[in-house]
N, C-alpha and C. Protein backbone atom coordinates (compact mmCIF):
# COMPACT_ATOMS: atom_id res chain seq x y z
N MET A 1 166.33 122.73 85.95
CA MET A 1 165.34 123.71 85.51
C MET A 1 165.77 124.40 84.24
N SER A 2 167.04 124.62 84.16
CA SER A 2 167.53 125.32 82.97
C SER A 2 167.33 124.49 81.71
N THR A 3 167.54 123.13 81.87
CA THR A 3 167.37 122.25 80.69
C THR A 3 165.91 122.23 80.26
N THR A 4 164.99 122.12 81.22
CA THR A 4 163.57 122.09 80.90
C THR A 4 163.14 123.39 80.25
N SER A 5 163.59 124.45 80.77
CA SER A 5 163.22 125.73 80.19
C SER A 5 163.78 125.92 78.80
N GLU A 6 164.96 125.34 78.54
CA GLU A 6 165.57 125.46 77.20
C GLU A 6 164.73 124.70 76.17
N HIS A 7 164.21 123.49 76.54
CA HIS A 7 163.37 122.74 75.61
C HIS A 7 162.03 123.41 75.42
N THR A 8 161.54 124.02 76.46
CA THR A 8 160.24 124.69 76.37
C THR A 8 160.29 125.87 75.42
N LYS A 9 161.44 126.51 75.34
CA LYS A 9 161.58 127.69 74.49
C LYS A 9 161.84 127.35 73.03
N ARG A 10 161.98 126.04 72.72
CA ARG A 10 162.19 125.65 71.31
C ARG A 10 161.01 126.11 70.47
N LYS A 11 161.26 126.26 69.18
CA LYS A 11 160.21 126.68 68.25
C LYS A 11 159.17 125.57 68.13
N TRP A 12 157.99 125.99 67.63
CA TRP A 12 156.86 125.05 67.56
C TRP A 12 157.15 123.88 66.65
N TRP A 13 157.85 124.09 65.53
CA TRP A 13 158.10 122.99 64.59
C TRP A 13 159.04 121.95 65.19
N TYR A 14 159.91 122.41 66.07
CA TYR A 14 160.82 121.46 66.74
C TYR A 14 160.03 120.55 67.67
N ARG A 15 159.11 121.16 68.41
CA ARG A 15 158.29 120.38 69.33
C ARG A 15 157.37 119.42 68.57
N TRP A 16 156.89 119.88 67.39
CA TRP A 16 156.01 119.02 66.58
C TRP A 16 156.76 117.80 66.06
N ILE A 17 158.00 118.01 65.62
CA ILE A 17 158.81 116.90 65.11
C ILE A 17 159.07 115.88 66.22
N ARG A 18 159.40 116.34 67.40
CA ARG A 18 159.66 115.44 68.51
C ARG A 18 158.41 114.64 68.89
N SER A 19 157.26 115.31 68.89
CA SER A 19 156.04 114.61 69.25
C SER A 19 155.66 113.58 68.17
N THR A 20 155.90 113.93 66.91
CA THR A 20 155.62 112.99 65.81
C THR A 20 156.51 111.77 65.90
N SER A 21 157.78 111.99 66.17
CA SER A 21 158.72 110.89 66.30
C SER A 21 158.31 109.97 67.44
N TRP A 22 157.87 110.54 68.52
CA TRP A 22 157.44 109.72 69.67
C TRP A 22 156.20 108.90 69.31
N PHE A 23 155.27 109.53 68.57
CA PHE A 23 154.06 108.83 68.17
C PHE A 23 154.38 107.67 67.22
N SER A 24 155.28 107.93 66.27
CA SER A 24 155.66 106.89 65.31
C SER A 24 156.35 105.73 66.00
N TYR A 25 157.14 106.03 66.99
CA TYR A 25 157.83 104.96 67.72
C TYR A 25 156.85 104.15 68.56
N ARG A 26 155.93 104.84 69.22
CA ARG A 26 155.01 104.16 70.14
C ARG A 26 153.95 103.37 69.37
N TYR A 27 153.42 103.95 68.28
CA TYR A 27 152.34 103.31 67.51
C TYR A 27 152.81 102.94 66.10
N TRP A 28 153.92 102.25 66.02
CA TRP A 28 154.49 101.88 64.72
C TRP A 28 153.54 101.01 63.90
N TRP A 29 152.75 100.15 64.55
CA TRP A 29 151.82 99.27 63.85
C TRP A 29 150.73 100.07 63.12
N PHE A 30 150.32 101.20 63.75
CA PHE A 30 149.31 102.04 63.12
C PHE A 30 149.87 102.73 61.87
N VAL A 31 151.13 103.16 61.97
CA VAL A 31 151.79 103.80 60.82
C VAL A 31 151.88 102.82 59.64
N TRP A 32 152.27 101.57 59.94
CA TRP A 32 152.36 100.57 58.88
C TRP A 32 150.99 100.26 58.28
N LEU A 33 149.95 100.28 59.10
CA LEU A 33 148.60 100.03 58.60
C LEU A 33 148.16 101.12 57.62
N ILE A 34 148.42 102.38 57.99
CA ILE A 34 148.08 103.50 57.10
C ILE A 34 148.88 103.41 55.79
N PHE A 35 150.16 103.05 55.90
CA PHE A 35 151.01 102.93 54.72
C PHE A 35 150.51 101.84 53.78
N SER A 36 150.13 100.69 54.34
CA SER A 36 149.63 99.58 53.52
C SER A 36 148.32 99.93 52.83
N CYS A 37 147.44 100.62 53.54
CA CYS A 37 146.17 101.05 52.94
C CYS A 37 146.40 102.03 51.79
N ALA A 38 147.36 102.93 51.98
CA ALA A 38 147.66 103.91 50.93
C ALA A 38 148.18 103.21 49.67
N ILE A 39 149.06 102.20 49.84
CA ILE A 39 149.58 101.45 48.69
C ILE A 39 148.46 100.72 47.97
N ALA A 40 147.57 100.07 48.74
CA ALA A 40 146.46 99.33 48.14
C ALA A 40 145.53 100.25 47.36
N LEU A 41 145.21 101.41 47.91
CA LEU A 41 144.33 102.37 47.22
C LEU A 41 144.98 102.90 45.95
N SER A 42 146.28 103.16 46.02
CA SER A 42 146.99 103.65 44.84
C SER A 42 146.95 102.64 43.71
N MET A 43 147.18 101.37 44.03
CA MET A 43 147.14 100.32 43.00
C MET A 43 145.74 100.19 42.41
N TYR A 44 144.71 100.29 43.26
CA TYR A 44 143.33 100.18 42.78
C TYR A 44 142.99 101.30 41.81
N PHE A 45 143.32 102.53 42.18
CA PHE A 45 142.99 103.67 41.31
C PHE A 45 143.80 103.64 40.02
N CYS A 46 145.05 103.19 40.08
CA CYS A 46 145.87 103.09 38.86
C CYS A 46 145.29 102.07 37.90
N MET A 47 144.87 100.92 38.41
CA MET A 47 144.29 99.88 37.55
C MET A 47 142.97 100.33 36.95
N THR A 48 142.16 101.03 37.74
CA THR A 48 140.89 101.53 37.24
C THR A 48 141.09 102.56 36.14
N ALA A 49 142.03 103.47 36.35
CA ALA A 49 142.32 104.50 35.34
C ALA A 49 142.85 103.88 34.06
N LYS A 50 143.69 102.84 34.19
CA LYS A 50 144.24 102.18 33.01
C LYS A 50 143.16 101.48 32.22
N SER A 51 142.22 100.84 32.93
CA SER A 51 141.12 100.15 32.26
C SER A 51 140.25 101.12 31.49
N ASN A 52 139.94 102.27 32.10
CA ASN A 52 139.13 103.28 31.41
C ASN A 52 139.84 103.83 30.20
N GLU A 53 141.16 103.98 30.31
CA GLU A 53 141.93 104.50 29.19
C GLU A 53 141.90 103.55 28.01
N ILE A 54 141.96 102.20 28.30
CA ILE A 54 141.92 101.22 27.22
C ILE A 54 140.57 101.27 26.52
N CYS A 55 139.50 101.35 27.29
CA CYS A 55 138.16 101.40 26.71
C CYS A 55 138.00 102.63 25.83
N ASP A 56 138.45 103.77 26.31
CA ASP A 56 138.35 104.99 25.54
C ASP A 56 139.17 104.87 24.25
N THR A 57 140.33 104.24 24.33
CA THR A 57 141.16 104.09 23.14
C THR A 57 140.48 103.21 22.11
N GLU A 58 139.84 102.13 22.55
CA GLU A 58 139.16 101.24 21.62
C GLU A 58 138.00 101.93 20.93
N ARG A 59 137.23 102.72 21.70
CA ARG A 59 136.11 103.44 21.09
C ARG A 59 136.61 104.48 20.10
N THR A 60 137.68 105.16 20.45
CA THR A 60 138.24 106.16 19.54
C THR A 60 138.75 105.52 18.26
N GLN A 61 139.44 104.37 18.40
CA GLN A 61 139.96 103.69 17.23
C GLN A 61 138.83 103.20 16.33
N GLU A 62 137.74 102.75 16.94
CA GLU A 62 136.60 102.29 16.15
C GLU A 62 136.00 103.43 15.34
N ARG A 63 135.90 104.60 15.96
CA ARG A 63 135.37 105.77 15.23
C ARG A 63 136.31 106.16 14.08
N LEU A 64 137.62 106.12 14.35
CA LEU A 64 138.59 106.47 13.31
C LEU A 64 138.51 105.49 12.14
N ASN A 65 138.35 104.20 12.44
CA ASN A 65 138.24 103.20 11.37
C ASN A 65 137.00 103.43 10.52
N LYS A 66 135.90 103.81 11.17
CA LYS A 66 134.67 104.06 10.44
C LYS A 66 134.83 105.27 9.50
N ILE A 67 135.48 106.33 10.00
CA ILE A 67 135.73 107.50 9.17
C ILE A 67 136.64 107.14 8.01
N HIS A 68 137.66 106.33 8.30
CA HIS A 68 138.61 105.92 7.25
C HIS A 68 137.90 105.14 6.15
N ARG A 69 137.01 104.21 6.53
CA ARG A 69 136.29 103.43 5.52
C ARG A 69 135.37 104.32 4.69
N SER A 70 134.75 105.31 5.33
CA SER A 70 133.86 106.21 4.60
C SER A 70 134.63 107.03 3.57
N LEU A 71 135.83 107.47 3.95
CA LEU A 71 136.66 108.25 3.03
C LEU A 71 137.11 107.40 1.85
N LEU A 72 137.42 106.13 2.11
CA LEU A 72 137.86 105.25 1.03
C LEU A 72 136.72 104.96 0.06
N ASP A 73 135.53 104.74 0.59
CA ASP A 73 134.40 104.41 -0.26
C ASP A 73 133.81 105.63 -0.96
N CYS A 74 134.05 106.81 -0.38
CA CYS A 74 133.49 108.06 -0.93
C CYS A 74 131.98 107.97 -1.10
N CYS A 75 131.33 107.35 -0.13
CA CYS A 75 129.89 107.22 -0.21
C CYS A 75 129.33 107.03 1.19
N ASP A 76 128.03 107.21 1.31
CA ASP A 76 127.34 106.95 2.56
C ASP A 76 126.86 105.51 2.54
N CYS A 77 127.70 104.62 3.05
CA CYS A 77 127.43 103.19 2.94
C CYS A 77 126.18 102.78 3.69
N GLU A 78 125.90 103.44 4.83
CA GLU A 78 124.73 103.06 5.59
C GLU A 78 123.46 103.21 4.75
N ASN A 79 123.39 104.33 3.99
CA ASN A 79 122.21 104.56 3.16
C ASN A 79 122.13 103.57 2.02
N GLU A 80 123.30 103.24 1.44
CA GLU A 80 123.30 102.31 0.32
C GLU A 80 122.89 100.93 0.77
N PHE A 81 123.32 100.50 1.96
CA PHE A 81 122.93 99.20 2.46
C PHE A 81 121.41 99.13 2.62
N SER A 82 120.84 100.19 3.19
CA SER A 82 119.41 100.17 3.48
C SER A 82 118.57 100.30 2.22
N SER A 83 119.17 100.75 1.09
CA SER A 83 118.40 100.95 -0.13
C SER A 83 118.33 99.71 -1.00
N VAL A 84 119.01 98.61 -0.58
CA VAL A 84 118.98 97.38 -1.38
C VAL A 84 117.58 96.81 -1.38
N PRO A 85 116.96 96.58 -2.56
CA PRO A 85 115.58 96.09 -2.59
C PRO A 85 115.46 94.68 -2.03
N ASP A 86 114.42 94.43 -1.28
CA ASP A 86 114.17 93.11 -0.71
C ASP A 86 113.15 92.40 -1.59
N GLU A 87 113.60 91.89 -2.73
CA GLU A 87 112.71 91.26 -3.69
C GLU A 87 112.88 89.75 -3.66
N THR A 88 111.89 89.02 -4.15
CA THR A 88 111.98 87.57 -4.15
C THR A 88 113.03 87.12 -5.16
N ILE A 89 113.68 86.01 -4.85
CA ILE A 89 114.77 85.53 -5.68
C ILE A 89 114.28 85.12 -7.06
N GLN A 90 113.17 84.37 -7.12
CA GLN A 90 112.68 83.85 -8.40
C GLN A 90 112.34 84.98 -9.37
N ASP A 91 111.73 86.04 -8.86
CA ASP A 91 111.29 87.13 -9.74
C ASP A 91 112.44 87.99 -10.22
N SER A 92 113.59 87.94 -9.53
CA SER A 92 114.65 88.88 -9.86
C SER A 92 115.78 88.25 -10.68
N VAL A 93 115.65 86.97 -11.08
CA VAL A 93 116.72 86.31 -11.83
C VAL A 93 116.92 87.01 -13.17
N SER A 94 118.18 87.39 -13.42
CA SER A 94 118.51 88.11 -14.65
C SER A 94 118.94 87.16 -15.76
N ASN A 95 119.77 86.18 -15.43
CA ASN A 95 120.33 85.29 -16.44
C ASN A 95 120.39 83.87 -15.89
N THR A 96 120.46 82.90 -16.78
CA THR A 96 120.60 81.50 -16.40
C THR A 96 121.85 80.93 -17.04
N PHE A 97 122.66 80.26 -16.21
CA PHE A 97 123.91 79.68 -16.69
C PHE A 97 124.01 78.25 -16.18
N GLY A 98 125.01 77.56 -16.69
CA GLY A 98 125.32 76.24 -16.18
C GLY A 98 126.29 76.34 -15.01
N CYS A 99 126.71 75.18 -14.52
CA CYS A 99 127.72 75.17 -13.47
C CYS A 99 129.06 74.85 -14.13
N ASP A 100 129.91 75.80 -14.15
CA ASP A 100 131.21 75.63 -14.79
C ASP A 100 132.18 76.62 -14.18
N SER A 101 133.39 76.66 -14.68
CA SER A 101 134.41 77.55 -14.14
C SER A 101 134.44 78.90 -14.85
N GLU A 102 133.51 79.13 -15.79
CA GLU A 102 133.50 80.40 -16.50
C GLU A 102 133.14 81.54 -15.56
N SER A 103 133.85 82.63 -15.65
CA SER A 103 133.66 83.75 -14.74
C SER A 103 132.48 84.61 -15.16
N ARG A 104 131.70 85.04 -14.18
CA ARG A 104 130.61 86.00 -14.41
C ARG A 104 131.00 87.31 -13.75
N SER A 105 130.73 88.42 -14.41
CA SER A 105 131.15 89.72 -13.89
C SER A 105 129.99 90.70 -13.94
N GLY A 106 130.12 91.79 -13.17
CA GLY A 106 129.08 92.80 -13.14
C GLY A 106 129.54 94.03 -12.40
N GLY A 107 128.57 94.92 -12.12
CA GLY A 107 128.91 96.19 -11.49
C GLY A 107 127.92 96.57 -10.42
N ALA A 108 127.56 97.85 -10.38
CA ALA A 108 126.72 98.38 -9.31
C ALA A 108 125.30 97.83 -9.39
N GLY A 109 124.61 97.89 -8.25
CA GLY A 109 123.23 97.42 -8.20
C GLY A 109 123.16 95.96 -7.80
N VAL A 110 121.97 95.37 -7.96
CA VAL A 110 121.74 93.98 -7.60
C VAL A 110 121.70 93.14 -8.87
N THR A 111 122.56 92.16 -8.96
CA THR A 111 122.60 91.22 -10.08
C THR A 111 122.29 89.82 -9.56
N THR A 112 121.33 89.15 -10.17
CA THR A 112 120.91 87.83 -9.72
C THR A 112 120.99 86.85 -10.88
N ASN A 113 121.81 85.82 -10.72
CA ASN A 113 122.01 84.81 -11.75
C ASN A 113 121.57 83.44 -11.24
N ARG A 114 121.02 82.66 -12.16
CA ARG A 114 120.64 81.28 -11.85
C ARG A 114 121.66 80.34 -12.47
N HIS A 115 122.07 79.32 -11.70
CA HIS A 115 123.04 78.34 -12.19
C HIS A 115 122.45 76.94 -12.05
N ASP A 116 122.29 76.24 -13.19
CA ASP A 116 121.81 74.86 -13.15
C ASP A 116 122.91 73.96 -12.60
N LEU A 117 122.54 73.05 -11.69
CA LEU A 117 123.52 72.21 -11.01
C LEU A 117 123.42 70.73 -11.37
N GLY A 118 122.37 70.33 -12.04
CA GLY A 118 122.26 68.94 -12.48
C GLY A 118 121.69 68.01 -11.42
N ASN A 119 121.85 66.72 -11.66
CA ASN A 119 121.24 65.70 -10.79
C ASN A 119 122.20 65.08 -9.78
N ASP A 120 123.46 65.41 -9.86
CA ASP A 120 124.45 64.79 -8.97
C ASP A 120 124.70 65.68 -7.75
N PRO A 121 124.59 65.13 -6.55
CA PRO A 121 124.89 65.93 -5.35
C PRO A 121 126.40 66.12 -5.18
N GLY A 122 126.77 67.06 -4.34
CA GLY A 122 128.18 67.29 -4.07
C GLY A 122 128.43 68.67 -3.50
N LEU A 123 129.69 68.98 -3.32
CA LEU A 123 130.09 70.28 -2.77
C LEU A 123 130.31 71.27 -3.90
N VAL A 124 129.69 72.41 -3.80
CA VAL A 124 129.81 73.46 -4.82
C VAL A 124 130.69 74.58 -4.27
N HIS A 125 131.73 74.93 -5.02
CA HIS A 125 132.63 76.01 -4.63
C HIS A 125 132.37 77.23 -5.52
N VAL A 126 132.30 78.39 -4.89
CA VAL A 126 132.12 79.65 -5.63
C VAL A 126 133.30 80.55 -5.30
N HIS A 127 134.12 80.84 -6.31
CA HIS A 127 135.28 81.72 -6.13
C HIS A 127 134.88 83.13 -6.56
N TYR A 128 135.17 84.12 -5.72
CA TYR A 128 134.77 85.49 -6.04
C TYR A 128 135.96 86.44 -5.98
N ASP A 129 135.83 87.55 -6.70
CA ASP A 129 136.81 88.64 -6.67
C ASP A 129 136.02 89.95 -6.67
N MET A 130 135.92 90.59 -5.50
CA MET A 130 135.16 91.83 -5.37
C MET A 130 136.01 93.06 -5.65
N LYS A 131 137.28 92.85 -5.97
CA LYS A 131 138.20 93.93 -6.34
C LYS A 131 138.28 94.97 -5.21
N ASN A 132 138.24 96.27 -5.54
CA ASN A 132 138.50 97.29 -4.53
C ASN A 132 137.25 97.71 -3.77
N VAL A 133 136.19 98.10 -4.47
CA VAL A 133 134.98 98.57 -3.80
C VAL A 133 134.18 97.37 -3.29
N ILE A 134 133.63 97.48 -2.10
CA ILE A 134 132.98 96.34 -1.45
C ILE A 134 131.69 95.91 -2.15
N ASP A 135 131.42 94.60 -2.15
CA ASP A 135 130.21 93.99 -2.68
C ASP A 135 129.79 92.84 -1.78
N LYS A 136 128.55 92.40 -1.95
CA LYS A 136 128.02 91.30 -1.14
C LYS A 136 127.51 90.19 -2.04
N MET A 137 127.82 88.94 -1.68
CA MET A 137 127.34 87.77 -2.43
C MET A 137 126.47 86.90 -1.53
N GLU A 138 125.33 86.46 -2.07
CA GLU A 138 124.45 85.54 -1.38
C GLU A 138 124.04 84.43 -2.35
N ILE A 139 124.05 83.18 -1.88
CA ILE A 139 123.72 82.03 -2.73
C ILE A 139 122.54 81.30 -2.10
N PHE A 140 121.52 81.02 -2.91
CA PHE A 140 120.29 80.40 -2.43
C PHE A 140 120.04 79.08 -3.14
N HIS A 141 119.51 78.12 -2.40
CA HIS A 141 119.04 76.86 -2.98
C HIS A 141 117.74 76.47 -2.29
N ASN A 142 116.75 76.11 -3.10
CA ASN A 142 115.41 75.83 -2.57
C ASN A 142 114.87 77.00 -1.74
N GLY A 143 115.23 78.21 -2.16
CA GLY A 143 114.75 79.41 -1.49
C GLY A 143 115.43 79.76 -0.19
N ALA A 144 116.41 78.95 0.21
CA ALA A 144 117.11 79.20 1.48
C ALA A 144 118.54 79.65 1.20
N LEU A 145 119.05 80.52 2.08
CA LEU A 145 120.44 80.98 1.96
C LEU A 145 121.37 79.85 2.39
N VAL A 146 122.24 79.41 1.48
CA VAL A 146 123.13 78.28 1.78
C VAL A 146 124.59 78.71 1.91
N ALA A 147 124.95 79.86 1.38
CA ALA A 147 126.32 80.38 1.50
C ALA A 147 126.29 81.87 1.17
N SER A 148 127.24 82.61 1.75
CA SER A 148 127.30 84.04 1.48
C SER A 148 128.62 84.60 1.99
N THR A 149 128.89 85.85 1.64
CA THR A 149 130.08 86.53 2.15
C THR A 149 129.91 86.96 3.60
N PHE A 150 128.74 86.71 4.18
CA PHE A 150 128.60 86.88 5.63
C PHE A 150 129.52 85.91 6.38
N ASP A 151 129.88 84.81 5.69
CA ASP A 151 130.74 83.80 6.31
C ASP A 151 132.21 84.19 6.29
N ILE A 152 132.56 85.25 5.58
CA ILE A 152 133.95 85.67 5.45
C ILE A 152 134.35 86.53 6.65
N PRO A 153 135.48 86.23 7.28
CA PRO A 153 135.92 87.05 8.43
C PRO A 153 136.12 88.51 8.03
N ASN A 154 135.83 89.41 8.95
CA ASN A 154 136.01 90.86 8.78
C ASN A 154 135.10 91.47 7.72
N ASN A 155 133.98 90.79 7.39
CA ASN A 155 133.03 91.41 6.46
C ASN A 155 132.30 92.54 7.16
N GLN A 156 131.70 93.42 6.36
CA GLN A 156 130.91 94.53 6.90
C GLN A 156 129.47 94.36 6.44
N ASN A 157 128.65 93.78 7.32
CA ASN A 157 127.26 93.52 6.97
C ASN A 157 127.15 92.67 5.70
N GLY A 158 128.11 91.74 5.55
CA GLY A 158 128.11 90.86 4.39
C GLY A 158 128.92 91.37 3.22
N PHE A 159 129.35 92.61 3.26
CA PHE A 159 130.12 93.19 2.17
C PHE A 159 131.61 92.91 2.38
N VAL A 160 132.29 92.56 1.30
CA VAL A 160 133.73 92.30 1.33
C VAL A 160 134.38 93.03 0.16
N GLY A 161 135.65 93.33 0.29
CA GLY A 161 136.38 94.02 -0.77
C GLY A 161 137.80 94.30 -0.34
N GLU A 162 138.60 94.72 -1.27
CA GLU A 162 140.03 94.90 -1.01
C GLU A 162 140.31 96.03 -0.04
N ASN A 163 139.43 97.05 0.02
CA ASN A 163 139.73 98.22 0.85
C ASN A 163 139.31 98.04 2.30
N ILE A 164 138.88 96.84 2.69
CA ILE A 164 138.63 96.54 4.10
C ILE A 164 139.37 95.27 4.46
N ALA A 165 139.31 94.91 5.75
CA ALA A 165 140.14 93.81 6.26
C ALA A 165 139.77 92.45 5.68
N SER A 166 138.57 92.31 5.10
CA SER A 166 138.15 91.02 4.55
C SER A 166 138.94 90.63 3.32
N GLY A 167 139.51 91.63 2.61
CA GLY A 167 140.20 91.35 1.35
C GLY A 167 139.23 91.26 0.19
N CYS A 168 139.78 91.20 -1.01
CA CYS A 168 138.96 91.24 -2.22
C CYS A 168 138.43 89.89 -2.64
N CYS A 169 139.19 88.83 -2.35
CA CYS A 169 138.93 87.55 -3.00
C CYS A 169 138.77 86.43 -1.99
N GLY A 170 138.08 85.39 -2.41
CA GLY A 170 137.90 84.25 -1.51
C GLY A 170 136.99 83.21 -2.13
N THR A 171 136.60 82.25 -1.31
CA THR A 171 135.75 81.15 -1.77
C THR A 171 134.69 80.85 -0.71
N VAL A 172 133.46 80.67 -1.16
CA VAL A 172 132.40 80.18 -0.28
C VAL A 172 131.88 78.88 -0.89
N SER A 173 131.40 77.97 -0.05
CA SER A 173 130.99 76.65 -0.52
C SER A 173 129.69 76.23 0.15
N PHE A 174 128.98 75.31 -0.50
CA PHE A 174 127.78 74.73 0.11
C PHE A 174 127.55 73.32 -0.44
N ASN A 175 126.85 72.52 0.34
CA ASN A 175 126.53 71.15 -0.06
C ASN A 175 125.23 71.14 -0.86
N TYR A 176 125.32 70.62 -2.09
CA TYR A 176 124.15 70.52 -2.96
C TYR A 176 123.60 69.10 -2.84
N SER A 177 122.35 68.99 -2.38
CA SER A 177 121.77 67.67 -2.12
C SER A 177 121.08 67.07 -3.34
N ALA A 178 120.89 67.86 -4.38
CA ALA A 178 120.20 67.42 -5.60
C ALA A 178 118.74 67.08 -5.35
N SER A 179 118.20 67.53 -4.24
CA SER A 179 116.77 67.36 -3.97
C SER A 179 116.09 68.71 -4.08
N GLY A 180 114.88 68.71 -4.59
CA GLY A 180 114.19 69.98 -4.80
C GLY A 180 114.67 70.65 -6.07
N ASP A 181 114.97 71.94 -5.99
CA ASP A 181 115.44 72.67 -7.16
C ASP A 181 116.76 72.11 -7.66
N LYS A 182 116.90 72.03 -8.98
CA LYS A 182 118.14 71.55 -9.58
C LYS A 182 119.06 72.72 -9.96
N PHE A 183 118.90 73.81 -9.28
CA PHE A 183 119.69 75.01 -9.56
C PHE A 183 119.89 75.79 -8.27
N CYS A 184 120.81 76.71 -8.32
CA CYS A 184 120.99 77.68 -7.24
C CYS A 184 120.93 79.07 -7.82
N VAL A 185 120.72 80.04 -6.96
CA VAL A 185 120.64 81.44 -7.38
C VAL A 185 121.74 82.22 -6.67
N VAL A 186 122.53 82.95 -7.45
CA VAL A 186 123.61 83.79 -6.90
C VAL A 186 123.20 85.25 -7.04
N ARG A 187 123.15 85.94 -5.91
CA ARG A 187 122.79 87.36 -5.93
C ARG A 187 123.96 88.19 -5.45
N ILE A 188 124.39 89.15 -6.27
CA ILE A 188 125.48 90.06 -5.93
C ILE A 188 124.90 91.46 -5.74
N THR A 189 125.22 92.08 -4.62
CA THR A 189 124.82 93.46 -4.35
C THR A 189 126.05 94.34 -4.41
N GLY A 190 126.08 95.26 -5.38
CA GLY A 190 127.25 96.11 -5.57
C GLY A 190 126.94 97.57 -5.32
N LEU A 191 127.90 98.29 -4.78
CA LEU A 191 127.75 99.72 -4.55
C LEU A 191 128.13 100.50 -5.81
N ASN A 192 128.05 101.81 -5.74
CA ASN A 192 128.41 102.64 -6.87
C ASN A 192 129.88 102.49 -7.23
N ARG A 193 130.18 102.62 -8.50
CA ARG A 193 131.54 102.59 -9.03
C ARG A 193 132.26 101.29 -8.63
N THR A 194 131.57 100.18 -8.74
CA THR A 194 132.17 98.91 -8.37
C THR A 194 132.21 97.95 -9.55
N SER A 195 133.01 96.93 -9.44
CA SER A 195 133.05 95.83 -10.39
C SER A 195 133.41 94.57 -9.64
N TRP A 196 132.98 93.43 -10.12
CA TRP A 196 133.21 92.16 -9.44
C TRP A 196 133.15 91.02 -10.44
N SER A 197 133.59 89.86 -10.01
CA SER A 197 133.48 88.66 -10.83
C SER A 197 133.47 87.44 -9.92
N TYR A 198 132.90 86.34 -10.43
CA TYR A 198 132.92 85.09 -9.67
C TYR A 198 132.81 83.92 -10.65
N SER A 199 133.18 82.76 -10.18
CA SER A 199 133.02 81.53 -10.95
C SER A 199 132.44 80.46 -10.05
N LEU A 200 131.49 79.68 -10.58
CA LEU A 200 130.79 78.66 -9.79
C LEU A 200 131.05 77.30 -10.41
N GLY A 201 131.59 76.39 -9.62
CA GLY A 201 131.89 75.06 -10.12
C GLY A 201 130.71 74.11 -9.96
N CYS A 202 130.78 72.98 -10.67
CA CYS A 202 129.73 71.96 -10.56
C CYS A 202 129.91 71.16 -9.27
N PRO A 203 128.86 70.55 -8.78
CA PRO A 203 128.97 69.73 -7.55
C PRO A 203 129.96 68.59 -7.73
N LYS A 204 130.81 68.38 -6.71
CA LYS A 204 131.80 67.30 -6.77
C LYS A 204 131.87 66.60 -5.41
């Protein structure tokens, strides 16, 4: 009786610990089940949080890149893009040249040049240098777009230049079939405070 009474007089936390130990021993499988579920839930929530963090980081980086490009250009590029006149190619030709390696240069605004290509079909290469401020090049034959800086990786709506990932310089090419028009039209769209140059070779 004395032993029983001594255990009965123990403090509540002592009795709680003893009862918990007995429960864990008797129902050990239940304890392991709860533990496994807790580990699985922790891994799920950690992976979900990490995925959301990556998405947020990508969106933030995209916004920062856009701000950085705007500061470099010192202009509202969205407005300038939308202000480019949508005029017919034939009516807007400024000059007519042959197909040769001589460089043509220009600046801001839309410049449209015609290049005679002759009667021989072949591949035409156009080498361009948009320098620092971004510009866009489009080449038309028989009224259809046959090559442009839209084909250049990392362009911005067709615009390329040294201050963005596309770089300043490159080459675009197209196959000249010598059927229909015996010329092509090169249209350059330049922003404010820009300069550019290009050279167009004969079909080979």
